[in-house]
Amino acid sequence: MTNILLADDDIELTELLREYLQREGFTVRLAHDGEAALNQALKQSVDMMILDIMMPKLNGFDVLRQLRKHSNMPVIMLTARGEDIDSIIGLEIGADDYLSKPCNPRVLVAHMRALLRRTASSQAENDHLSIDGLEISLGSRRVLLHNTEIILTNAEFNILHTLMENAGQPVSKQQLFENAMGKKMSAYDRSLDMHISNLRKKLQMHDHLPERITTLRGQGYQLLISDHE
């Protein structure tokens, strides 16, 4: 059974979502404030968290910031409809995906399963890739850059894996959305761009190369290979 932590202070909504998710085969725990959500995520066996932004004690952003210091579990954030800045901030600090509230439970489950499939597929593999001092191990989901471990979210890890598999070649946004994020590309979805931006920042903190991931206008992204490789 997949253990889901549903963190939202709307008690009526969480009860309805729990009932729906349980019918879909998930085990669901509830948290109605940020402190409880963080404690459960860190101390109990949780496979994924559905995290609302507006909660008492700790808001969703603060919960996610603290969580990412210890765990890369998949996190889907729930944002107020029309609040694009909330989804951008959520992605910047480590959310894997986001949905606007109120969300259709069927759409939520589709996003959950796509994200879980990507995580499970990667964890089942034991491949090891190494390019210009950048190493990635799929079995352990660890990333090393010049022997320094880089902590990535699930989405960032999957994007980097796809880019490394195609190193030196353009990878389209559509391919990254489908292969790395498990969803179809839409015209107004900026989540991929935000994940790429976060990934670049994390790599550049420990890198000897001026640029790892380049943007190819009209084509997508490419992981560069140094001339001496």
C-alpha atoms as a PDB file:
ATOM      1  CA  MET A   1       0.000   0.000   0.000  1.00  0.00           C
ATOM      2  CA  THR A   2       1.186   3.529  -0.814  1.00  0.00           C
ATOM      3  CA  ASN A   3       1.165   5.771   2.259  1.00  0.00           C
ATOM      4  CA  ILE A   4      -0.036   9.306   1.552  1.00  0.00           C
ATOM      5  CA  LEU A   5       0.144  12.235   3.966  1.00  0.00           C
ATOM      6  CA  LEU A   6      -2.592  14.754   3.221  1.00  0.00           C
ATOM      7  CA  ALA A   7      -1.780  18.074   4.916  1.00  0.00           C
ATOM      8  CA  ASP A   8      -4.549  20.678   4.832  1.00  0.00           C
ATOM      9  CA  ASP A   9      -6.403  22.578   7.570  1.00  0.00           C
ATOM     10  CA  ASP A  10      -9.743  22.179   5.761  1.00  0.00           C
ATOM     11  CA  ILE A  11     -11.061  19.225   7.755  1.00  0.00           C
ATOM     12  CA  GLU A  12     -14.127  18.635   5.579  1.00  0.00           C
ATOM     13  CA  LEU A  13     -12.059  18.641   2.401  1.00  0.00           C
ATOM     14  CA  THR A  14      -9.421  16.279   3.778  1.00  0.00           C
ATOM     15  CA  GLU A  15     -12.047  13.803   4.923  1.00  0.00           C
ATOM     16  CA  LEU A  16     -13.623  13.799   1.463  1.00  0.00           C
ATOM     17  CA  LEU A  17     -10.237  13.399  -0.241  1.00  0.00           C
ATOM     18  CA  ARG A  18      -9.212  10.653   2.167  1.00  0.00           C
ATOM     19  CA  GLU A  19     -12.354   8.694   1.386  1.00  0.00           C
ATOM     20  CA  TYR A  20     -11.736   9.063  -2.351  1.00  0.00           C
ATOM     21  CA  LEU A  21      -8.030   8.168  -2.137  1.00  0.00           C
ATOM     22  CA  GLN A  22      -8.752   5.132   0.017  1.00  0.00           C
ATOM     23  CA  ARG A  23     -11.184   3.874  -2.621  1.00  0.00           C
ATOM     24  CA  GLU A  24      -8.318   4.275  -5.115  1.00  0.00           C
ATOM     25  CA  GLY A  25      -6.130   1.991  -3.005  1.00  0.00           C
ATOM     26  CA  PHE A  26      -4.056   4.482  -1.001  1.00  0.00           C
ATOM     27  CA  THR A  27      -3.457   4.540   2.731  1.00  0.00           C
ATOM     28  CA  VAL A  28      -4.050   8.120   3.886  1.00  0.00           C
ATOM     29  CA  ARG A  29      -2.883   9.970   6.994  1.00  0.00           C
ATOM     30  CA  LEU A  30      -4.108  13.474   7.796  1.00  0.00           C
ATOM     31  CA  ALA A  31      -2.428  16.534   9.252  1.00  0.00           C
ATOM     32  CA  HIS A  32      -4.285  19.792   9.861  1.00  0.00           C
ATOM     33  CA  ASP A  33      -1.401  22.114  10.692  1.00  0.00           C
ATOM     34  CA  GLY A  34       2.144  22.554   9.446  1.00  0.00           C
ATOM     35  CA  GLU A  35       3.916  21.285  12.552  1.00  0.00           C
ATOM     36  CA  ALA A  36       1.925  18.053  12.550  1.00  0.00           C
ATOM     37  CA  ALA A  37       2.552  17.608   8.829  1.00  0.00           C
ATOM     38  CA  LEU A  38       6.319  18.006   9.208  1.00  0.00           C
ATOM     39  CA  ASN A  39       6.491  15.683  12.211  1.00  0.00           C
ATOM     40  CA  GLN A  40       4.530  12.953  10.458  1.00  0.00           C
ATOM     41  CA  ALA A  41       6.550  13.293   7.251  1.00  0.00           C
ATOM     42  CA  LEU A  42       9.845  12.938   9.124  1.00  0.00           C
ATOM     43  CA  LYS A  43       8.896  10.332  11.719  1.00  0.00           C
ATOM     44  CA  GLN A  44       6.455   8.014   9.943  1.00  0.00           C
ATOM     45  CA  SER A  45       6.601   5.908   6.805  1.00  0.00           C
ATOM     46  CA  VAL A  46       5.263   8.271   4.128  1.00  0.00           C
ATOM     47  CA  ASP A  47       5.610   7.726   0.379  1.00  0.00           C
ATOM     48  CA  MET A  48       4.148  11.052  -0.782  1.00  0.00           C
ATOM     49  CA  MET A  49       2.760  14.251   0.701  1.00  0.00           C
ATOM     50  CA  ILE A  50      -0.100  16.382  -0.619  1.00  0.00           C
ATOM     51  CA  LEU A  51       0.655  19.761   0.952  1.00  0.00           C
ATOM     52  CA  ASP A  52      -1.562  22.826   1.205  1.00  0.00           C
ATOM     53  CA  ILE A  53       0.125  26.229   1.478  1.00  0.00           C
ATOM     54  CA  MET A  54      -2.166  28.018   3.925  1.00  0.00           C
ATOM     55  CA  MET A  55      -2.000  26.165   7.258  1.00  0.00           C
ATOM     56  CA  PRO A  56      -1.638  27.226  10.911  1.00  0.00           C
ATOM     57  CA  LYS A  57       1.612  26.941  12.942  1.00  0.00           C
ATOM     58  CA  LEU A  58       3.753  26.389   9.835  1.00  0.00           C
ATOM     59  CA  ASN A  59       2.649  27.224   6.312  1.00  0.00           C
ATOM     60  CA  GLY A  60       3.251  24.833   3.453  1.00  0.00           C
ATOM     61  CA  PHE A  61       6.335  26.673   2.245  1.00  0.00           C
ATOM     62  CA  ASP A  62       8.013  26.396   5.653  1.00  0.00           C
ATOM     63  CA  VAL A  63       7.066  22.724   5.910  1.00  0.00           C
ATOM     64  CA  LEU A  64       8.617  22.037   2.513  1.00  0.00           C
ATOM     65  CA  ARG A  65      11.804  23.969   3.309  1.00  0.00           C
ATOM     66  CA  GLN A  66      12.328  21.950   6.490  1.00  0.00           C
ATOM     67  CA  LEU A  67      11.384  18.671   4.824  1.00  0.00           C
ATOM     68  CA  ARG A  68      13.889  19.131   1.998  1.00  0.00           C
ATOM     69  CA  LYS A  69      16.736  19.275   4.523  1.00  0.00           C
ATOM     70  CA  HIS A  70      16.049  15.631   5.372  1.00  0.00           C
ATOM     71  CA  SER A  71      13.933  13.989   2.674  1.00  0.00           C
ATOM     72  CA  ASN A  72      13.313  13.993  -1.084  1.00  0.00           C
ATOM     73  CA  MET A  73       9.888  12.316  -0.843  1.00  0.00           C
ATOM     74  CA  PRO A  74       7.510  13.328  -3.649  1.00  0.00           C
ATOM     75  CA  VAL A  75       5.457  16.421  -2.749  1.00  0.00           C
ATOM     76  CA  ILE A  76       2.470  17.852  -4.606  1.00  0.00           C
ATOM     77  CA  MET A  77       1.535  21.342  -3.422  1.00  0.00           C
ATOM     78  CA  LEU A  78      -2.012  22.675  -3.440  1.00  0.00           C
ATOM     79  CA  THR A  79      -2.192  26.364  -4.382  1.00  0.00           C
ATOM     80  CA  ALA A  80      -5.023  28.881  -4.493  1.00  0.00           C
ATOM     81  CA  ARG A  81      -6.548  29.134  -7.960  1.00  0.00           C
ATOM     82  CA  GLY A  82      -4.926  31.907  -9.958  1.00  0.00           C
ATOM     83  CA  GLU A  83      -2.008  32.394  -7.536  1.00  0.00           C
ATOM     84  CA  ASP A  84       0.803  31.648  -9.981  1.00  0.00           C
ATOM     85  CA  ILE A  85       3.408  33.086  -7.612  1.00  0.00           C
ATOM     86  CA  ASP A  86       2.560  30.380  -5.060  1.00  0.00           C
ATOM     87  CA  SER A  87       3.215  27.585  -7.536  1.00  0.00           C
ATOM     88  CA  ILE A  88       6.491  29.211  -8.590  1.00  0.00           C
ATOM     89  CA  ILE A  89       7.694  29.559  -4.999  1.00  0.00           C
ATOM     90  CA  GLY A  90       6.658  25.973  -4.271  1.00  0.00           C
ATOM     91  CA  LEU A  91       8.676  24.664  -7.193  1.00  0.00           C
ATOM     92  CA  GLU A  92      11.663  26.831  -6.252  1.00  0.00           C
ATOM     93  CA  ILE A  93      11.871  25.343  -2.775  1.00  0.00           C
ATOM     94  CA  GLY A  94      11.429  21.747  -3.836  1.00  0.00           C
ATOM     95  CA  ALA A  95       7.866  20.757  -4.737  1.00  0.00           C
ATOM     96  CA  ASP A  96       7.648  18.081  -7.436  1.00  0.00           C
ATOM     97  CA  ASP A  97       4.286  19.185  -8.802  1.00  0.00           C
ATOM     98  CA  TYR A  98       1.371  21.475  -7.982  1.00  0.00           C
ATOM     99  CA  LEU A  99      -2.385  21.712  -8.455  1.00  0.00           C
ATOM    100  CA  SER A 100      -4.777  24.614  -7.995  1.00  0.00           C
ATOM    101  CA  LYS A 101      -7.562  24.343  -5.396  1.00  0.00           C
ATOM    102  CA  PRO A 102     -10.247  23.266  -5.581  1.00  0.00           C
ATOM    103  CA  CYS A 103      -8.895  20.330  -7.536  1.00  0.00           C
ATOM    104  CA  ASN A 104     -10.740  17.438  -9.134  1.00  0.00           C
ATOM    105  CA  PRO A 105      -9.898  14.279  -7.118  1.00  0.00           C
ATOM    106  CA  ARG A 106      -9.476  12.297 -10.349  1.00  0.00           C
ATOM    107  CA  VAL A 107      -6.918  14.821 -11.599  1.00  0.00           C
ATOM    108  CA  LEU A 108      -5.107  14.689  -8.253  1.00  0.00           C
ATOM    109  CA  VAL A 109      -4.889  10.893  -8.412  1.00  0.00           C
ATOM    110  CA  ALA A 110      -3.586  11.043 -11.980  1.00  0.00           C
ATOM    111  CA  HIS A 111      -0.796  13.414 -10.903  1.00  0.00           C
ATOM    112  CA  MET A 112      -0.018  11.257  -7.868  1.00  0.00           C
ATOM    113  CA  ARG A 113       0.262   8.050  -9.868  1.00  0.00           C
ATOM    114  CA  ALA A 114       2.398   9.656 -12.572  1.00  0.00           C
ATOM    115  CA  LEU A 115       4.825  10.964  -9.968  1.00  0.00           C
ATOM    116  CA  LEU A 116       4.915   7.661  -8.088  1.00  0.00           C
ATOM    117  CA  ARG A 117       5.544   5.740 -11.322  1.00  0.00           C
ATOM    118  CA  ARG A 118       8.545   7.912 -12.134  1.00  0.00           C
ATOM    119  CA  THR A 119       9.967   7.483  -8.650  1.00  0.00           C
ATOM    120  CA  ALA A 120       9.415   3.707  -8.557  1.00  0.00           C
ATOM    121  CA  SER A 121      10.811   3.196 -12.049  1.00  0.00           C
ATOM    122  CA  SER A 122      14.003   5.049 -11.206  1.00  0.00           C
ATOM    123  CA  GLN A 123      14.448   3.310  -7.847  1.00  0.00           C
ATOM    124  CA  ALA A 124      14.148  -0.102  -9.511  1.00  0.00           C
ATOM    125  CA  GLU A 125      17.159   0.539 -11.731  1.00  0.00           C
ATOM    126  CA  ASN A 126      20.815   0.180 -10.757  1.00  0.00           C
ATOM    127  CA  ASP A 127      22.419   2.147 -13.576  1.00  0.00           C
ATOM    128  CA  HIS A 128      25.296   4.482 -12.894  1.00  0.00           C
ATOM    129  CA  LEU A 129      26.109   7.402 -15.171  1.00  0.00           C
ATOM    130  CA  SER A 130      29.184   9.639 -14.976  1.00  0.00           C
ATOM    131  CA  ILE A 131      29.939  12.707 -17.108  1.00  0.00           C
ATOM    132  CA  ASP A 132      32.580  15.363 -16.383  1.00  0.00           C
ATOM    133  CA  GLY A 133      32.666  14.673 -12.657  1.00  0.00           C
ATOM    134  CA  LEU A 134      28.872  14.457 -12.409  1.00  0.00           C
ATOM    135  CA  GLU A 135      27.726  11.026 -11.207  1.00  0.00           C
ATOM    136  CA  ILE A 136      24.220   9.687 -10.804  1.00  0.00           C
ATOM    137  CA  SER A 137      23.156   6.370  -9.258  1.00  0.00           C
ATOM    138  CA  LEU A 138      19.592   5.352 -10.048  1.00  0.00           C
ATOM    139  CA  GLY A 139      19.316   2.605  -7.459  1.00  0.00           C
ATOM    140  CA  SER A 140      20.181   4.868  -4.539  1.00  0.00           C
ATOM    141  CA  ARG A 141      19.003   8.064  -6.293  1.00  0.00           C
ATOM    142  CA  ARG A 142      22.233   9.800  -5.292  1.00  0.00           C
ATOM    143  CA  VAL A 143      23.983  12.527  -7.234  1.00  0.00           C
ATOM    144  CA  LEU A 144      27.648  13.405  -6.782  1.00  0.00           C
ATOM    145  CA  LEU A 145      29.420  16.366  -8.359  1.00  0.00           C
ATOM    146  CA  HIS A 146      33.202  16.250  -7.941  1.00  0.00           C
ATOM    147  CA  ASN A 147      32.582  13.821  -5.031  1.00  0.00           C
ATOM    148  CA  THR A 148      30.184  16.222  -3.274  1.00  0.00           C
ATOM    149  CA  GLU A 149      26.637  14.935  -2.825  1.00  0.00           C
ATOM    150  CA  ILE A 150      23.963  17.151  -4.389  1.00  0.00           C
ATOM    151  CA  ILE A 151      20.503  16.849  -2.827  1.00  0.00           C
ATOM    152  CA  LEU A 152      17.800  16.932  -5.498  1.00  0.00           C
ATOM    153  CA  THR A 153      14.047  16.628  -5.449  1.00  0.00           C
ATOM    154  CA  ASN A 154      12.485  13.708  -7.316  1.00  0.00           C
ATOM    155  CA  ALA A 155      11.590  15.909 -10.276  1.00  0.00           C
ATOM    156  CA  GLU A 156      15.086  17.402 -10.453  1.00  0.00           C
ATOM    157  CA  PHE A 157      16.640  13.937 -10.242  1.00  0.00           C
ATOM    158  CA  ASN A 158      14.460  12.578 -13.038  1.00  0.00           C
ATOM    159  CA  ILE A 159      15.195  15.579 -15.269  1.00  0.00           C
ATOM    160  CA  LEU A 160      18.949  15.247 -14.696  1.00  0.00           C
ATOM    161  CA  HIS A 161      18.792  11.520 -15.427  1.00  0.00           C
ATOM    162  CA  THR A 162      17.006  12.143 -18.733  1.00  0.00           C
ATOM    163  CA  LEU A 163      19.506  14.851 -19.716  1.00  0.00           C
ATOM    164  CA  MET A 164      22.486  12.641 -18.812  1.00  0.00           C
ATOM    165  CA  GLU A 165      21.083   9.738 -20.834  1.00  0.00           C
ATOM    166  CA  ASN A 166      21.028  12.111 -23.805  1.00  0.00           C
ATOM    167  CA  ALA A 167      24.198  14.073 -22.986  1.00  0.00           C
ATOM    168  CA  GLY A 168      25.365  16.248 -25.849  1.00  0.00           C
ATOM    169  CA  GLN A 169      21.989  15.984 -27.581  1.00  0.00           C
ATOM    170  CA  PRO A 170      18.921  18.265 -27.409  1.00  0.00           C
ATOM    171  CA  VAL A 171      16.066  16.992 -25.243  1.00  0.00           C
ATOM    172  CA  SER A 172      12.703  18.546 -26.018  1.00  0.00           C
ATOM    173  CA  LYS A 173      10.482  20.016 -23.335  1.00  0.00           C
ATOM    174  CA  GLN A 174       7.793  17.546 -24.303  1.00  0.00           C
ATOM    175  CA  GLN A 175      10.176  14.631 -23.733  1.00  0.00           C
ATOM    176  CA  LEU A 176      11.202  15.997 -20.339  1.00  0.00           C
ATOM    177  CA  PHE A 177       7.604  16.545 -19.286  1.00  0.00           C
ATOM    178  CA  GLU A 178       6.605  13.003 -20.273  1.00  0.00           C
ATOM    179  CA  ASN A 179       9.748  11.027 -19.366  1.00  0.00           C
ATOM    180  CA  ALA A 180      10.979  12.934 -16.326  1.00  0.00           C
ATOM    181  CA  MET A 181       7.799  14.397 -14.863  1.00  0.00           C
ATOM    182  CA  GLY A 182       5.207  11.882 -15.970  1.00  0.00           C
ATOM    183  CA  LYS A 183       2.725  14.340 -17.449  1.00  0.00           C
ATOM    184  CA  LYS A 184       1.901  16.003 -20.746  1.00  0.00           C
ATOM    185  CA  MET A 185       3.248  19.433 -21.569  1.00  0.00           C
ATOM    186  CA  SER A 186       0.798  22.320 -21.505  1.00  0.00           C
ATOM    187  CA  ALA A 187       1.277  25.849 -22.798  1.00  0.00           C
ATOM    188  CA  TYR A 188       1.066  27.590 -19.419  1.00  0.00           C
ATOM    189  CA  ASP A 189       2.883  25.071 -17.233  1.00  0.00           C
ATOM    190  CA  ARG A 190       6.169  26.617 -16.057  1.00  0.00           C
ATOM    191  CA  SER A 191       7.101  23.784 -13.710  1.00  0.00           C
ATOM    192  CA  LEU A 192       9.795  22.338 -15.994  1.00  0.00           C
ATOM    193  CA  ASP A 193      11.523  25.717 -16.357  1.00  0.00           C
ATOM    194  CA  MET A 194      11.521  26.149 -12.583  1.00  0.00           C
ATOM    195  CA  HIS A 195      12.948  22.658 -12.001  1.00  0.00           C
ATOM    196  CA  ILE A 196      15.699  23.321 -14.549  1.00  0.00           C
ATOM    197  CA  SER A 197      16.500  26.654 -12.867  1.00  0.00           C
ATOM    198  CA  ASN A 198      16.738  24.986  -9.445  1.00  0.00           C
ATOM    199  CA  LEU A 199      18.879  22.189 -10.870  1.00  0.00           C
ATOM    200  CA  ARG A 200      21.294  24.659 -12.433  1.00  0.00           C
ATOM    201  CA  LYS A 201      21.684  26.564  -9.163  1.00  0.00           C
ATOM    202  CA  LYS A 202      22.435  23.405  -7.181  1.00  0.00           C
ATOM    203  CA  LEU A 203      25.011  22.171  -9.690  1.00  0.00           C
ATOM    204  CA  GLN A 204      26.723  25.545 -10.058  1.00  0.00           C
ATOM    205  CA  MET A 205      27.368  25.743  -6.316  1.00  0.00           C
ATOM    206  CA  HIS A 206      29.938  22.923  -6.624  1.00  0.00           C
ATOM    207  CA  ASP A 207      30.877  22.974 -10.297  1.00  0.00           C
ATOM    208  CA  HIS A 208      34.138  23.691 -12.099  1.00  0.00           C
ATOM    209  CA  LEU A 209      32.400  24.193 -15.427  1.00  0.00           C
ATOM    210  CA  PRO A 210      30.721  27.505 -16.321  1.00  0.00           C
ATOM    211  CA  GLU A 211      27.595  25.815 -17.649  1.00  0.00           C
ATOM    212  CA  ARG A 212      26.160  22.282 -17.534  1.00  0.00           C
ATOM    213  CA  ILE A 213      22.658  22.675 -18.891  1.00  0.00           C
ATOM    214  CA  THR A 214      22.014  24.976 -21.809  1.00  0.00           C
ATOM    215  CA  THR A 215      18.727  26.189 -23.221  1.00  0.00           C
ATOM    216  CA  LEU A 216      18.210  25.559 -26.934  1.00  0.00           C
ATOM    217  CA  ARG A 217      15.623  28.011 -28.185  1.00  0.00           C
ATOM    218  CA  GLY A 218      12.758  26.184 -29.834  1.00  0.00           C
ATOM    219  CA  GLN A 219      14.284  22.772 -29.049  1.00  0.00           C
ATOM    220  CA  GLY A 220      14.529  22.287 -25.307  1.00  0.00           C
ATOM    221  CA  TYR A 221      17.554  21.665 -23.098  1.00  0.00           C
ATOM    222  CA  GLN A 222      20.927  19.961 -23.433  1.00  0.00           C
ATOM    223  CA  LEU A 223      23.497  18.636 -20.983  1.00  0.00           C
ATOM    224  CA  LEU A 224      26.840  19.831 -22.286  1.00  0.00           C
ATOM    225  CA  ILE A 225      29.941  17.650 -22.497  1.00  0.00           C
ATOM    226  CA  SER A 226      33.327  19.296 -22.025  1.00  0.00           C
ATOM    227  CA  ASP A 227      35.815  19.218 -24.889  1.00  0.00           C
ATOM    228  CA  HIS A 228      38.336  17.150 -22.952  1.00  0.00           C
ATOM    229  CA  GLU A 229      35.836  14.355 -22.169  1.00  0.00           C
END
